[in-house]
Amino acid sequence: MLIGYARTSTTDQQAGFDAQLVALEAYGCERTFKEQVSAIATRGELDRAIDMLREGDKLVVTKLDRPARNVMHMGELLQQIEAKGAGLVILSLARETVDTTTATGKLILNIMGSVAQFERNMMGERQVEGIKRAKAKGKYQGRVPIAMRQADKVKSLVEAGVQHVQVQEQLGIRKASYDRCLGG
């Protein structure tokens, strides 16, 4: 049985989501599990799809990044799939279908997964470098911590004679944040 899995990170990505569903149906998936959640969120539909796999079945996805967060996570998922006697099919890698029930498919998956993770890491490094340059030019201030946005409220309450414990409880802040708000 071919079991499809489609995922986008947000509900705003409807066109990409619909395209995945069309591709999975065209490939012949008899059942498709769908969800629109971030890769770092709990993905119950992916878990259900893997649970449904039986000997000889294949989990079919359109892209490498749909089921897994990184290379290590892909390896864990592949172990779960293979433990059931099933395989993984990725439709859009290098314009060729990758089928992990073959040795070549496993090799390509590992290579492409490593390349995808490398690119993700490089994007993170470029972002950090960009932030450093912007800070050096005075164009990036960063996010003000939530507690510091409440500094005026803390000062007003203290001036009104409210005890620090009550201020913390009322504003939902900890002692360290309370002290920072008062400049301590």
Protein backbone atom coordinates (compact mmCIF):
# COMPACT_ATOMS: atom_id res chain seq x y z
CA MET A 1 0.00 0.00 0.00
CA LEU A 2 1.20 3.51 -0.78
CA ILE A 3 0.56 5.89 2.11
CA GLY A 4 1.05 9.59 1.45
CA TYR A 5 2.11 12.31 3.86
CA ALA A 6 1.67 16.02 3.06
CA ARG A 7 2.77 18.88 5.32
CA THR A 8 3.23 22.61 5.20
CA SER A 9 4.42 24.76 8.09
CA THR A 10 1.44 27.13 8.02
CA THR A 11 -2.09 27.31 6.68
CA ASP A 12 -0.95 30.25 4.53
CA GLN A 13 0.88 27.81 2.24
CA GLN A 14 -2.30 26.39 0.69
CA ALA A 15 -1.01 26.27 -2.90
CA GLY A 16 2.03 24.21 -1.88
CA PHE A 17 -0.16 21.97 0.26
CA ASP A 18 -2.60 21.37 -2.60
CA ALA A 19 0.31 20.63 -4.97
CA GLN A 20 1.58 17.95 -2.58
CA LEU A 21 -1.86 16.34 -2.42
CA VAL A 22 -2.13 16.28 -6.23
CA ALA A 23 1.34 14.73 -6.58
CA LEU A 24 0.62 12.06 -3.95
CA GLU A 25 -2.68 11.16 -5.58
CA ALA A 26 -1.04 11.03 -9.03
CA TYR A 27 1.62 8.67 -7.66
CA GLY A 28 -1.14 6.34 -6.52
CA CYS A 29 -1.34 6.85 -2.77
CA GLU A 30 -4.37 5.04 -1.42
CA ARG A 31 -4.43 7.01 1.83
CA THR A 32 -2.89 10.40 2.58
CA PHE A 33 -2.22 11.90 5.99
CA LYS A 34 -2.25 15.71 5.97
CA GLU A 35 -1.21 18.41 8.41
CA GLN A 36 -0.22 22.04 8.44
CA VAL A 37 2.19 22.41 11.34
CA SER A 38 5.77 23.56 11.81
CA ALA A 39 8.54 20.98 11.44
CA ILE A 40 9.43 21.46 15.09
CA ALA A 41 5.86 20.90 16.30
CA THR A 42 4.42 17.51 17.21
CA ARG A 43 3.25 15.92 13.99
CA GLY A 44 0.51 13.50 14.92
CA GLU A 45 -0.48 12.74 11.33
CA LEU A 46 3.08 11.66 10.48
CA ASP A 47 3.04 9.38 13.52
CA ARG A 48 -0.30 7.92 12.40
CA ALA A 49 1.00 7.39 8.86
CA ILE A 50 4.04 5.49 10.16
CA ASP A 51 1.85 3.48 12.55
CA MET A 52 -0.32 2.43 9.61
CA LEU A 53 2.63 1.03 7.61
CA ARG A 54 2.80 -2.73 7.16
CA GLU A 55 5.28 -5.10 5.50
CA GLY A 56 5.81 -4.03 1.88
CA ASP A 57 4.08 -0.64 2.25
CA LYS A 58 5.72 2.66 1.29
CA LEU A 59 5.39 6.07 2.90
CA VAL A 60 5.36 8.61 0.07
CA VAL A 61 6.30 12.29 0.45
CA THR A 62 6.88 14.94 -2.18
CA LYS A 63 10.02 16.51 -0.69
CA LEU A 64 12.82 15.55 1.68
CA ASP A 65 11.93 18.26 4.20
CA ARG A 66 8.29 17.23 4.60
CA PRO A 67 8.78 14.38 7.10
CA ALA A 68 12.09 15.20 8.79
CA ARG A 69 13.69 18.16 10.59
CA ASN A 70 17.29 17.17 9.86
CA VAL A 71 19.50 14.24 8.86
CA MET A 72 19.42 12.64 12.31
CA HIS A 73 15.63 12.86 12.47
CA MET A 74 15.38 11.40 8.95
CA GLY A 75 17.54 8.48 10.11
CA GLU A 76 15.24 7.88 13.08
CA LEU A 77 12.14 7.98 10.89
CA LEU A 78 13.73 5.64 8.37
CA GLN A 79 14.55 3.16 11.15
CA GLN A 80 10.91 3.22 12.28
CA ILE A 81 9.71 2.70 8.71
CA GLU A 82 12.16 -0.11 7.95
CA ALA A 83 11.40 -1.84 11.27
CA LYS A 84 7.89 -2.32 9.90
CA GLY A 85 9.27 -3.82 6.69
CA ALA A 86 8.23 -0.72 4.76
CA GLY A 87 10.07 1.88 2.69
CA LEU A 88 10.14 5.62 2.07
CA VAL A 89 9.58 7.21 -1.36
CA ILE A 90 10.52 10.87 -1.97
CA LEU A 91 9.09 12.08 -5.25
CA SER A 92 11.03 15.25 -6.02
CA LEU A 93 14.71 14.62 -5.27
CA ALA A 94 16.85 15.58 -8.22
CA ARG A 95 13.88 15.05 -10.57
CA GLU A 96 14.03 11.37 -9.80
CA THR A 97 12.02 9.38 -7.34
CA VAL A 98 14.06 8.15 -4.39
CA ASP A 99 12.94 4.81 -3.02
CA THR A 100 14.67 3.70 0.19
CA THR A 101 13.88 0.07 -0.45
CA THR A 102 16.89 0.13 -2.81
CA ALA A 103 20.55 0.64 -1.90
CA THR A 104 20.82 3.54 -4.35
CA GLY A 105 17.75 5.19 -2.87
CA LYS A 106 19.23 5.02 0.63
CA LEU A 107 22.51 6.50 -0.60
CA ILE A 108 20.80 9.38 -2.39
CA LEU A 109 18.62 10.08 0.64
CA ASN A 110 21.64 10.31 2.94
CA ILE A 111 23.54 12.57 0.55
CA MET A 112 20.59 14.88 -0.09
CA GLY A 113 19.70 15.01 3.60
CA SER A 114 23.24 16.06 4.44
CA VAL A 115 23.20 18.74 1.75
CA ALA A 116 19.84 20.07 2.99
CA GLN A 117 21.07 20.22 6.60
CA PHE A 118 24.30 21.93 5.48
CA GLU A 119 22.29 24.58 3.62
CA ARG A 120 20.06 25.16 6.65
CA ASN A 121 23.14 25.60 8.87
CA MET A 122 24.68 28.03 6.36
CA MET A 123 21.47 30.11 6.35
CA GLY A 124 21.71 30.36 10.14
CA GLU A 125 25.34 31.48 9.95
CA ARG A 126 24.49 34.13 7.33
CA GLN A 127 21.68 35.40 9.54
CA VAL A 128 24.01 35.77 12.55
CA GLU A 129 26.57 37.61 10.39
CA GLY A 130 23.88 39.95 9.05
CA ILE A 131 22.68 40.77 12.55
CA LYS A 132 26.26 41.52 13.67
CA ARG A 133 26.75 43.91 10.72
CA ALA A 134 23.42 45.63 11.40
CA LYS A 135 24.27 46.02 15.09
CA ALA A 136 27.66 47.52 14.21
CA LYS A 137 25.87 50.11 12.05
CA GLY A 138 23.34 50.79 14.80
CA LYS A 139 20.45 49.52 12.67
CA TYR A 140 19.53 46.49 14.77
CA GLN A 141 18.37 46.84 18.32
CA GLY A 142 17.04 43.36 18.90
CA ARG A 143 13.93 42.43 20.84
CA VAL A 144 13.27 44.12 24.19
CA PRO A 145 12.71 41.42 26.84
CA ILE A 146 9.08 41.17 27.92
CA ALA A 147 9.88 42.04 31.52
CA MET A 148 11.66 45.22 30.47
CA ARG A 149 8.54 46.31 28.56
CA GLN A 150 6.85 46.28 31.94
CA ALA A 151 9.47 48.43 33.69
CA ASP A 152 7.15 51.45 33.90
CA LYS A 153 4.41 49.30 35.48
CA VAL A 154 6.88 47.86 38.00
CA LYS A 155 8.13 51.33 38.96
CA SER A 156 4.58 52.67 39.29
CA LEU A 157 3.53 49.80 41.54
CA VAL A 158 6.65 50.14 43.71
CA GLU A 159 6.07 53.89 44.05
CA ALA A 160 2.48 53.13 45.09
CA GLY A 161 3.86 50.99 47.92
CA VAL A 162 3.06 47.54 46.53
CA GLN A 163 5.37 44.83 47.92
CA HIS A 164 7.76 43.18 45.44
CA VAL A 165 6.11 39.75 45.77
CA GLN A 166 2.72 41.20 44.82
CA VAL A 167 4.26 43.13 41.90
CA GLN A 168 5.84 39.92 40.61
CA GLU A 169 2.60 37.98 40.94
CA GLN A 170 0.47 40.71 39.39
CA LEU A 171 2.75 41.14 36.37
CA GLY A 172 3.80 37.49 36.09
CA ILE A 173 7.52 38.19 36.33
CA ARG A 174 10.34 36.66 38.37
CA LYS A 175 12.58 38.31 40.94
CA ALA A 176 15.45 38.78 38.44
CA SER A 177 13.13 40.58 36.01
CA TYR A 178 11.73 42.70 38.83
CA ASP A 179 15.27 43.72 39.79
CA ARG A 180 16.20 44.51 36.16
CA CYS A 181 13.12 46.72 35.81
CA LEU A 182 14.29 48.74 38.81
CA GLY A 183 17.82 49.00 37.45
CA GLY A 184 19.27 46.56 39.95
